[in-house]
Amino acid sequence: MNSLLRARHACISFFARAFDFNGKSNRFDFWIVVLIYSAINIAIDLENTPNAFQNAYLALVFIPWLSLITRRLRDSGYKPVWLWRALIPFYILFQIWIILIWLASPSKKAPSFSESHKEASDSEPPTS
C-alpha cells in the first residue's frame, strides 16, 4: 500500500478507533496523524476562527488523541499509565519529553502468553 493510502487509512482509523484503548498503533500511523492534525490545528489558529469552532474541534479530537497515544505507547513497549501521569500538571515538565521519545521509538514484539506463563512457573519455588 502506498504512503497516501496508508495516510488516509491512518486518519480514518484515528476516528474509527477513537475508543479503542487496548490495541496498538504503529509509528507511521501515529506520526502521520500528528502531522495532519497539527497542520489543521495551525490553520485553525492562523485563520482566527471563532472560539466556539476551536472548542468544538478540541472536543472532537480529544478522546481519539488519548486513545491513539495510549495505543502507540503500548506498541512501543511502555505502559499507558505514563500518559495519564503526564496529564497531571506537575509531571508535564519532564515526562512529556520522555513520552515523545517513547512515541518515536520502534515497535516491540510483545511476549506470547506461553513465554510469560513459562517464566512465571519457573520463578515459583518447588513444593515438596
N, C-alpha and C. Protein backbone atom coordinates (compact mmCIF):
# COMPACT_ATOMS: atom_id res chain seq x y z
N MET A 1 0.85 -1.17 0.00
CA MET A 1 0.00 0.00 0.00
C MET A 1 0.90 1.24 0.00
N ASN A 2 0.61 2.18 -0.88
CA ASN A 2 1.47 3.36 -0.94
C ASN A 2 1.20 4.30 0.24
N SER A 3 2.04 5.30 0.38
CA SER A 3 2.01 6.18 1.55
C SER A 3 0.72 7.00 1.65
N LEU A 4 0.18 7.43 0.51
CA LEU A 4 -1.05 8.22 0.56
C LEU A 4 -2.23 7.39 1.05
N LEU A 5 -2.30 6.15 0.60
CA LEU A 5 -3.38 5.29 1.07
C LEU A 5 -3.20 4.95 2.55
N ARG A 6 -1.95 4.73 2.97
CA ARG A 6 -1.70 4.46 4.39
C ARG A 6 -2.05 5.67 5.24
N ALA A 7 -1.74 6.89 4.74
CA ALA A 7 -2.07 8.11 5.47
C ALA A 7 -3.58 8.27 5.57
N ARG A 8 -4.28 7.98 4.48
CA ARG A 8 -5.75 8.06 4.50
C ARG A 8 -6.32 7.06 5.50
N HIS A 9 -5.80 5.84 5.47
CA HIS A 9 -6.26 4.81 6.39
C HIS A 9 -5.98 5.22 7.85
N ALA A 10 -4.80 5.82 8.10
CA ALA A 10 -4.45 6.25 9.46
C ALA A 10 -5.41 7.32 9.96
N CYS A 11 -5.78 8.27 9.10
CA CYS A 11 -6.70 9.33 9.51
C CYS A 11 -8.11 8.80 9.74
N ILE A 12 -8.52 7.84 8.93
CA ILE A 12 -9.84 7.25 9.13
C ILE A 12 -9.87 6.43 10.42
N SER A 13 -8.81 5.66 10.65
CA SER A 13 -8.79 4.83 11.87
C SER A 13 -8.60 5.68 13.12
N PHE A 14 -8.10 6.92 12.97
CA PHE A 14 -7.99 7.83 14.11
C PHE A 14 -9.35 8.03 14.75
N PHE A 15 -10.38 8.20 13.93
CA PHE A 15 -11.73 8.37 14.48
C PHE A 15 -12.45 7.03 14.65
N ALA A 16 -12.20 6.08 13.77
CA ALA A 16 -12.87 4.78 13.86
C ALA A 16 -12.47 4.04 15.13
N ARG A 17 -11.23 4.22 15.57
CA ARG A 17 -10.74 3.55 16.78
C ARG A 17 -10.64 4.52 17.96
N ALA A 18 -11.50 5.51 17.98
CA ALA A 18 -11.44 6.57 18.99
C ALA A 18 -11.54 6.05 20.41
N PHE A 19 -12.30 5.00 20.62
CA PHE A 19 -12.48 4.48 21.97
C PHE A 19 -11.77 3.14 22.18
N ASP A 20 -10.82 2.84 21.30
CA ASP A 20 -10.03 1.61 21.42
C ASP A 20 -8.74 1.94 22.18
N PHE A 21 -8.76 1.71 23.49
CA PHE A 21 -7.59 1.96 24.31
C PHE A 21 -6.76 0.70 24.52
N ASN A 22 -7.14 -0.41 23.89
CA ASN A 22 -6.48 -1.69 24.13
C ASN A 22 -5.58 -2.15 23.00
N GLY A 23 -5.72 -1.61 21.82
CA GLY A 23 -4.94 -2.09 20.68
C GLY A 23 -3.57 -1.46 20.61
N LYS A 24 -2.98 -1.50 19.42
CA LYS A 24 -1.67 -0.92 19.17
C LYS A 24 -1.73 -0.10 17.89
N SER A 25 -0.85 0.91 17.80
CA SER A 25 -0.72 1.73 16.59
C SER A 25 0.75 1.87 16.25
N ASN A 26 1.08 1.69 14.97
CA ASN A 26 2.49 1.76 14.59
C ASN A 26 2.95 3.21 14.45
N ARG A 27 4.25 3.39 14.24
CA ARG A 27 4.84 4.73 14.18
C ARG A 27 4.28 5.55 13.02
N PHE A 28 4.17 4.92 11.85
CA PHE A 28 3.69 5.68 10.68
C PHE A 28 2.30 6.22 10.94
N ASP A 29 1.39 5.36 11.41
CA ASP A 29 0.02 5.80 11.67
C ASP A 29 -0.01 6.94 12.68
N PHE A 30 0.79 6.82 13.72
CA PHE A 30 0.80 7.85 14.76
C PHE A 30 1.32 9.17 14.21
N TRP A 31 2.49 9.15 13.59
CA TRP A 31 3.13 10.40 13.19
C TRP A 31 2.44 11.05 12.00
N ILE A 32 1.82 10.29 11.12
CA ILE A 32 1.09 10.92 10.01
C ILE A 32 -0.15 11.64 10.54
N VAL A 33 -0.80 11.04 11.54
CA VAL A 33 -1.95 11.70 12.16
C VAL A 33 -1.50 12.96 12.90
N VAL A 34 -0.37 12.88 13.60
CA VAL A 34 0.17 14.06 14.28
C VAL A 34 0.44 15.17 13.27
N LEU A 35 1.07 14.82 12.16
CA LEU A 35 1.40 15.81 11.13
C LEU A 35 0.14 16.45 10.54
N ILE A 36 -0.81 15.63 10.16
CA ILE A 36 -2.02 16.16 9.50
C ILE A 36 -2.85 16.99 10.47
N TYR A 37 -3.08 16.49 11.66
CA TYR A 37 -3.93 17.23 12.59
C TYR A 37 -3.21 18.43 13.21
N SER A 38 -1.89 18.43 13.24
CA SER A 38 -1.15 19.63 13.66
C SER A 38 -1.30 20.70 12.59
N ALA A 39 -1.23 20.30 11.33
CA ALA A 39 -1.43 21.27 10.24
C ALA A 39 -2.84 21.86 10.29
N ILE A 40 -3.83 21.02 10.57
CA ILE A 40 -5.21 21.52 10.70
C ILE A 40 -5.30 22.48 11.88
N ASN A 41 -4.68 22.13 12.99
CA ASN A 41 -4.71 22.98 14.17
C ASN A 41 -4.05 24.32 13.91
N ILE A 42 -2.91 24.32 13.22
CA ILE A 42 -2.23 25.57 12.89
C ILE A 42 -3.10 26.42 11.96
N ALA A 43 -3.74 25.77 10.99
CA ALA A 43 -4.62 26.51 10.08
C ALA A 43 -5.79 27.13 10.83
N ILE A 44 -6.35 26.41 11.78
CA ILE A 44 -7.45 26.94 12.57
C ILE A 44 -6.98 28.14 13.38
N ASP A 45 -5.79 28.06 13.96
CA ASP A 45 -5.27 29.17 14.76
C ASP A 45 -4.93 30.38 13.90
N LEU A 46 -4.37 30.16 12.71
CA LEU A 46 -3.97 31.27 11.86
C LEU A 46 -5.15 32.00 11.23
N GLU A 47 -6.25 31.29 11.04
CA GLU A 47 -7.41 31.89 10.39
C GLU A 47 -8.29 32.68 11.35
N ASN A 48 -7.90 32.74 12.61
CA ASN A 48 -8.70 33.47 13.61
C ASN A 48 -10.15 33.00 13.62
N THR A 49 -10.31 31.70 13.68
CA THR A 49 -11.66 31.13 13.72
C THR A 49 -12.30 31.43 15.07
N PRO A 50 -13.62 31.41 15.11
CA PRO A 50 -14.31 31.68 16.39
C PRO A 50 -13.95 30.64 17.45
N ASN A 51 -13.99 31.07 18.69
CA ASN A 51 -13.67 30.17 19.80
C ASN A 51 -14.60 28.97 19.86
N ALA A 52 -15.84 29.15 19.48
CA ALA A 52 -16.78 28.03 19.51
C ALA A 52 -16.32 26.93 18.56
N PHE A 53 -15.81 27.30 17.39
CA PHE A 53 -15.32 26.30 16.44
C PHE A 53 -14.07 25.62 16.98
N GLN A 54 -13.15 26.40 17.58
CA GLN A 54 -11.94 25.82 18.15
C GLN A 54 -12.27 24.85 19.28
N ASN A 55 -13.25 25.21 20.12
CA ASN A 55 -13.66 24.32 21.21
C ASN A 55 -14.33 23.06 20.68
N ALA A 56 -15.11 23.20 19.62
CA ALA A 56 -15.75 22.03 19.03
C ALA A 56 -14.70 21.09 18.43
N TYR A 57 -13.70 21.67 17.77
CA TYR A 57 -12.61 20.85 17.21
C TYR A 57 -11.85 20.12 18.31
N LEU A 58 -11.55 20.82 19.39
CA LEU A 58 -10.86 20.20 20.52
C LEU A 58 -11.70 19.07 21.12
N ALA A 59 -12.98 19.30 21.28
CA ALA A 59 -13.85 18.26 21.83
C ALA A 59 -13.93 17.05 20.89
N LEU A 60 -13.88 17.31 19.59
CA LEU A 60 -13.96 16.24 18.61
C LEU A 60 -12.72 15.35 18.61
N VAL A 61 -11.54 15.92 18.81
CA VAL A 61 -10.31 15.14 18.68
C VAL A 61 -9.66 14.74 20.02
N PHE A 62 -10.17 15.21 21.14
CA PHE A 62 -9.50 14.96 22.42
C PHE A 62 -9.46 13.47 22.78
N ILE A 63 -10.58 12.79 22.77
CA ILE A 63 -10.62 11.35 23.11
C ILE A 63 -9.85 10.52 22.08
N PRO A 64 -10.03 10.75 20.77
CA PRO A 64 -9.20 9.99 19.81
C PRO A 64 -7.70 10.20 20.02
N TRP A 65 -7.27 11.41 20.41
CA TRP A 65 -5.85 11.64 20.68
C TRP A 65 -5.38 10.80 21.86
N LEU A 66 -6.16 10.78 22.93
CA LEU A 66 -5.78 9.99 24.10
C LEU A 66 -5.68 8.51 23.75
N SER A 67 -6.64 8.01 22.98
CA SER A 67 -6.60 6.60 22.63
C SER A 67 -5.45 6.29 21.68
N LEU A 68 -5.16 7.18 20.74
CA LEU A 68 -4.03 6.97 19.82
C LEU A 68 -2.70 6.96 20.57
N ILE A 69 -2.52 7.90 21.48
CA ILE A 69 -1.28 7.94 22.26
C ILE A 69 -1.16 6.71 23.15
N THR A 70 -2.27 6.28 23.74
CA THR A 70 -2.25 5.07 24.57
C THR A 70 -1.85 3.85 23.75
N ARG A 71 -2.44 3.71 22.55
CA ARG A 71 -2.09 2.57 21.69
C ARG A 71 -0.64 2.64 21.23
N ARG A 72 -0.14 3.84 20.94
CA ARG A 72 1.25 3.98 20.48
C ARG A 72 2.23 3.66 21.60
N LEU A 73 1.94 4.10 22.82
CA LEU A 73 2.80 3.76 23.95
C LEU A 73 2.84 2.25 24.15
N ARG A 74 1.70 1.61 24.05
CA ARG A 74 1.64 0.16 24.21
C ARG A 74 2.43 -0.54 23.10
N ASP A 75 2.34 -0.03 21.88
CA ASP A 75 3.05 -0.64 20.76
C ASP A 75 4.56 -0.48 20.90
N SER A 76 5.00 0.61 21.50
CA SER A 76 6.44 0.81 21.68
C SER A 76 6.96 0.17 22.95
N GLY A 77 6.11 -0.55 23.67
CA GLY A 77 6.55 -1.35 24.81
C GLY A 77 6.46 -0.66 26.16
N TYR A 78 5.74 0.44 26.25
CA TYR A 78 5.62 1.16 27.51
C TYR A 78 4.19 1.09 28.03
N LYS A 79 4.05 1.23 29.32
CA LYS A 79 2.73 1.17 29.93
C LYS A 79 1.98 2.49 29.68
N PRO A 80 0.71 2.39 29.31
CA PRO A 80 -0.09 3.60 29.03
C PRO A 80 -0.29 4.50 30.25
N VAL A 81 0.01 4.01 31.44
CA VAL A 81 -0.15 4.83 32.63
C VAL A 81 0.72 6.09 32.56
N TRP A 82 1.79 6.06 31.78
CA TRP A 82 2.64 7.23 31.62
C TRP A 82 1.88 8.39 30.99
N LEU A 83 0.96 8.12 30.10
CA LEU A 83 0.16 9.19 29.50
C LEU A 83 -0.68 9.87 30.57
N TRP A 84 -1.32 9.09 31.40
CA TRP A 84 -2.20 9.66 32.42
C TRP A 84 -1.40 10.44 33.45
N ARG A 85 -0.18 9.99 33.74
CA ARG A 85 0.68 10.75 34.65
C ARG A 85 1.08 12.08 34.03
N ALA A 86 1.29 12.09 32.73
CA ALA A 86 1.70 13.32 32.05
C ALA A 86 0.58 14.35 32.01
N LEU A 87 -0.66 13.92 32.18
CA LEU A 87 -1.77 14.86 32.18
C LEU A 87 -1.85 15.65 33.49
N ILE A 88 -1.16 15.18 34.52
CA ILE A 88 -1.11 15.90 35.78
C ILE A 88 -0.08 17.02 35.62
N PRO A 89 -0.41 18.26 35.93
CA PRO A 89 0.48 19.38 35.62
C PRO A 89 1.90 19.25 36.18
N PHE A 90 2.09 18.71 37.35
CA PHE A 90 3.43 18.59 37.92
C PHE A 90 4.33 17.72 37.06
N TYR A 91 3.79 16.65 36.53
CA TYR A 91 4.58 15.72 35.74
C TYR A 91 4.89 16.22 34.34
N ILE A 92 4.11 17.13 33.84
CA ILE A 92 4.27 17.58 32.45
C ILE A 92 5.66 18.14 32.20
N LEU A 93 6.25 18.78 33.19
CA LEU A 93 7.53 19.46 32.98
C LEU A 93 8.61 18.55 32.43
N PHE A 94 8.70 17.33 32.93
CA PHE A 94 9.78 16.46 32.45
C PHE A 94 9.28 15.20 31.75
N GLN A 95 8.11 14.73 32.04
CA GLN A 95 7.66 13.47 31.46
C GLN A 95 7.17 13.59 30.03
N ILE A 96 6.71 14.75 29.63
CA ILE A 96 6.22 14.88 28.26
C ILE A 96 7.34 14.63 27.26
N TRP A 97 8.56 15.02 27.58
CA TRP A 97 9.69 14.79 26.68
C TRP A 97 10.02 13.31 26.60
N ILE A 98 9.95 12.63 27.73
CA ILE A 98 10.20 11.19 27.74
C ILE A 98 9.15 10.47 26.90
N ILE A 99 7.91 10.87 27.05
CA ILE A 99 6.83 10.23 26.30
C ILE A 99 7.00 10.48 24.81
N LEU A 100 7.40 11.67 24.41
CA LEU A 100 7.62 11.94 22.98
C LEU A 100 8.72 11.04 22.42
N ILE A 101 9.77 10.81 23.18
CA ILE A 101 10.83 9.90 22.74
C ILE A 101 10.29 8.49 22.61
N TRP A 102 9.49 8.07 23.56
CA TRP A 102 8.91 6.73 23.51
C TRP A 102 7.97 6.57 22.33
N LEU A 103 7.20 7.61 22.03
CA LEU A 103 6.28 7.54 20.89
C LEU A 103 7.03 7.38 19.58
N ALA A 104 8.25 7.89 19.52
CA ALA A 104 9.05 7.79 18.31
C ALA A 104 9.85 6.49 18.24
N SER A 105 9.87 5.73 19.30
CA SER A 105 10.68 4.51 19.31
C SER A 105 10.00 3.40 18.51
N PRO A 106 10.78 2.44 18.00
CA PRO A 106 10.21 1.36 17.20
C PRO A 106 9.31 0.44 18.02
N SER A 107 8.48 -0.29 17.32
CA SER A 107 7.57 -1.24 17.97
C SER A 107 8.35 -2.37 18.60
N LYS A 108 7.82 -2.88 19.70
CA LYS A 108 8.43 -4.04 20.34
C LYS A 108 7.44 -5.17 20.30
N LYS A 109 7.94 -6.36 20.04
CA LYS A 109 7.08 -7.53 19.99
C LYS A 109 6.73 -7.93 21.41
N ALA A 110 5.46 -8.09 21.66
CA ALA A 110 5.01 -8.49 22.98
C ALA A 110 5.28 -9.97 23.18
N PRO A 111 5.68 -10.36 24.38
CA PRO A 111 5.90 -11.79 24.62
C PRO A 111 4.57 -12.54 24.54
N SER A 112 4.63 -13.76 24.04
CA SER A 112 3.41 -14.54 23.93
C SER A 112 3.01 -15.03 25.31
N PHE A 113 1.78 -15.48 25.43
CA PHE A 113 1.27 -15.95 26.71
C PHE A 113 2.08 -17.14 27.22
N SER A 114 2.46 -18.03 26.32
CA SER A 114 3.18 -19.23 26.74
C SER A 114 4.55 -18.88 27.31
N GLU A 115 5.22 -17.85 26.73
CA GLU A 115 6.52 -17.44 27.26
C GLU A 115 6.39 -16.81 28.63
N SER A 116 5.39 -15.93 28.81
CA SER A 116 5.23 -15.28 30.11
C SER A 116 4.75 -16.29 31.15
N HIS A 117 3.94 -17.25 30.74
CA HIS A 117 3.48 -18.28 31.67
C HIS A 117 4.64 -19.18 32.10
N LYS A 118 5.52 -19.47 31.14
CA LYS A 118 6.68 -20.32 31.43
C LYS A 118 7.61 -19.62 32.42
N GLU A 119 7.85 -18.31 32.21
CA GLU A 119 8.71 -17.56 33.13
C GLU A 119 8.11 -17.52 34.52
N ALA A 120 6.79 -17.36 34.62
CA ALA A 120 6.14 -17.31 35.92
C ALA A 120 6.22 -18.64 36.63
N SER A 121 6.09 -19.73 35.89
CA SER A 121 6.16 -21.04 36.53
C SER A 121 7.59 -21.38 36.93
N ASP A 122 8.59 -20.85 36.19
CA ASP A 122 9.98 -21.08 36.56
C ASP A 122 10.36 -20.34 37.83
N SER A 123 9.71 -19.22 38.11
CA SER A 123 10.07 -18.43 39.28
C SER A 123 9.42 -18.93 40.56
N GLU A 124 8.43 -19.80 40.44
CA GLU A 124 7.76 -20.32 41.63
C GLU A 124 8.66 -21.33 42.31
N PRO A 125 8.72 -21.31 43.63
CA PRO A 125 9.56 -22.30 44.34
C PRO A 125 8.94 -23.68 44.24
N PRO A 126 9.76 -24.70 44.15
CA PRO A 126 9.21 -26.05 44.05
C PRO A 126 8.57 -26.44 45.40
N THR A 127 7.48 -27.14 45.30
CA THR A 127 6.80 -27.61 46.51
C THR A 127 7.14 -29.06 46.76
N SER A 128 7.55 -29.37 47.96
CA SER A 128 7.92 -30.74 48.29
C SER A 128 7.16 -31.20 49.50
